[in-house]
Amino acid sequence: MDDRKRPLLAVLILPAILVIVGFAGLNRVMQSPNFAIYRTVDVVQLLGSGLCFGVAMVLIIIVLRGVRI
């Protein structure tokens, strides 16, 4: 088992900042007058695409860092 400690920035602060930025962007879109025009199927498709891109990016970073899953 690896006894290296991860820096506090990477473990707690960075994900918190990313969540705040994500919610700020979501709030901005929801305040737009055009928000009611978006169809549910389009929103679900965009969320699915974003999820796939996010997972792919994380896996690429894991492979480049050489971490075994």
C-alpha atoms as a PDB file:
ATOM      1  CA  MET A   1       0.000   0.000   0.000  1.00  0.00           C
ATOM      2  CA  ASP A   2       1.249   3.441  -0.858  1.00  0.00           C
ATOM      3  CA  ASP A   3       1.761   5.649   2.195  1.00  0.00           C
ATOM      4  CA  ARG A   4       2.113   8.918   0.278  1.00  0.00           C
ATOM      5  CA  LYS A   5      -0.337  11.539   1.431  1.00  0.00           C
ATOM      6  CA  ARG A   6      -2.147  13.522  -1.203  1.00  0.00           C
ATOM      7  CA  PRO A   7      -1.948  17.284  -0.886  1.00  0.00           C
ATOM      8  CA  LEU A   8      -4.941  18.924   0.761  1.00  0.00           C
ATOM      9  CA  LEU A   9      -5.451  21.082  -2.342  1.00  0.00           C
ATOM     10  CA  ALA A  10      -6.040  18.086  -4.601  1.00  0.00           C
ATOM     11  CA  VAL A  11      -8.281  16.210  -2.188  1.00  0.00           C
ATOM     12  CA  LEU A  12     -10.588  18.856  -0.744  1.00  0.00           C
ATOM     13  CA  ILE A  13     -10.194  22.294  -2.205  1.00  0.00           C
ATOM     14  CA  LEU A  14      -9.979  21.571  -5.940  1.00  0.00           C
ATOM     15  CA  PRO A  15     -13.178  19.462  -6.150  1.00  0.00           C
ATOM     16  CA  ALA A  16     -15.014  22.069  -4.057  1.00  0.00           C
ATOM     17  CA  ILE A  17     -13.927  24.834  -6.446  1.00  0.00           C
ATOM     18  CA  LEU A  18     -15.028  22.768  -9.444  1.00  0.00           C
ATOM     19  CA  VAL A  19     -18.454  22.161  -7.897  1.00  0.00           C
ATOM     20  CA  ILE A  20     -18.870  25.878  -7.187  1.00  0.00           C
ATOM     21  CA  VAL A  21     -17.902  26.790 -10.768  1.00  0.00           C
ATOM     22  CA  GLY A  22     -20.297  24.154 -12.117  1.00  0.00           C
ATOM     23  CA  PHE A  23     -23.188  25.443 -10.024  1.00  0.00           C
ATOM     24  CA  ALA A  24     -22.389  29.024 -11.051  1.00  0.00           C
ATOM     25  CA  GLY A  25     -22.592  28.037 -14.714  1.00  0.00           C
ATOM     26  CA  LEU A  26     -25.828  26.135 -14.135  1.00  0.00           C
ATOM     27  CA  ASN A  27     -27.326  29.106 -12.300  1.00  0.00           C
ATOM     28  CA  ARG A  28     -26.358  31.403 -15.163  1.00  0.00           C
ATOM     29  CA  VAL A  29     -28.102  29.159 -17.686  1.00  0.00           C
ATOM     30  CA  MET A  30     -31.186  28.805 -15.488  1.00  0.00           C
ATOM     31  CA  GLN A  31     -31.508  32.594 -15.160  1.00  0.00           C
ATOM     32  CA  SER A  32     -31.546  32.976 -18.953  1.00  0.00           C
ATOM     33  CA  PRO A  33     -34.920  33.801 -20.510  1.00  0.00           C
ATOM     34  CA  ASN A  34     -34.275  31.099 -23.121  1.00  0.00           C
ATOM     35  CA  PHE A  35     -34.021  28.345 -20.487  1.00  0.00           C
ATOM     36  CA  ALA A  36     -37.694  27.409 -20.863  1.00  0.00           C
ATOM     37  CA  ILE A  37     -37.165  26.743 -24.580  1.00  0.00           C
ATOM     38  CA  TYR A  38     -34.716  23.871 -23.965  1.00  0.00           C
ATOM     39  CA  ARG A  39     -36.283  20.457 -24.440  1.00  0.00           C
ATOM     40  CA  THR A  40     -35.719  17.822 -21.763  1.00  0.00           C
ATOM     41  CA  VAL A  41     -34.297  15.339 -24.250  1.00  0.00           C
ATOM     42  CA  ASP A  42     -31.661  17.870 -25.330  1.00  0.00           C
ATOM     43  CA  VAL A  43     -30.660  18.543 -21.731  1.00  0.00           C
ATOM     44  CA  VAL A  44     -30.360  14.812 -20.975  1.00  0.00           C
ATOM     45  CA  GLN A  45     -28.282  14.278 -24.122  1.00  0.00           C
ATOM     46  CA  LEU A  46     -25.918  17.124 -23.180  1.00  0.00           C
ATOM     47  CA  LEU A  47     -25.563  15.781 -19.635  1.00  0.00           C
ATOM     48  CA  GLY A  48     -24.774  12.315 -20.977  1.00  0.00           C
ATOM     49  CA  SER A  49     -22.200  13.694 -23.397  1.00  0.00           C
ATOM     50  CA  GLY A  50     -20.573  15.732 -20.638  1.00  0.00           C
ATOM     51  CA  LEU A  51     -20.447  12.682 -18.388  1.00  0.00           C
ATOM     52  CA  CYS A  52     -18.787  10.604 -21.108  1.00  0.00           C
ATOM     53  CA  PHE A  53     -16.218  13.325 -21.814  1.00  0.00           C
ATOM     54  CA  GLY A  54     -15.509  13.696 -18.099  1.00  0.00           C
ATOM     55  CA  VAL A  55     -14.974   9.966 -17.586  1.00  0.00           C
ATOM     56  CA  ALA A  56     -12.763   9.772 -20.672  1.00  0.00           C
ATOM     57  CA  MET A  57     -10.676  12.713 -19.463  1.00  0.00           C
ATOM     58  CA  VAL A  58     -10.203  11.165 -16.027  1.00  0.00           C
ATOM     59  CA  LEU A  59      -9.171   7.841 -17.556  1.00  0.00           C
ATOM     60  CA  ILE A  60      -6.669   9.549 -19.872  1.00  0.00           C
ATOM     61  CA  ILE A  61      -5.157  11.392 -16.903  1.00  0.00           C
ATOM     62  CA  ILE A  62      -4.940   8.125 -14.938  1.00  0.00           C
ATOM     63  CA  VAL A  63      -3.184   6.400 -17.849  1.00  0.00           C
ATOM     64  CA  LEU A  64      -0.749   9.297 -18.340  1.00  0.00           C
ATOM     65  CA  ARG A  65       0.118   9.365 -14.633  1.00  0.00           C
ATOM     66  CA  GLY A  66       0.713   5.617 -14.661  1.00  0.00           C
ATOM     67  CA  VAL A  67      -1.700   4.838 -11.827  1.00  0.00           C
ATOM     68  CA  ARG A  68      -2.988   1.269 -11.777  1.00  0.00           C
ATOM     69  CA  ILE A  69      -6.729   0.851 -11.370  1.00  0.00           C
END
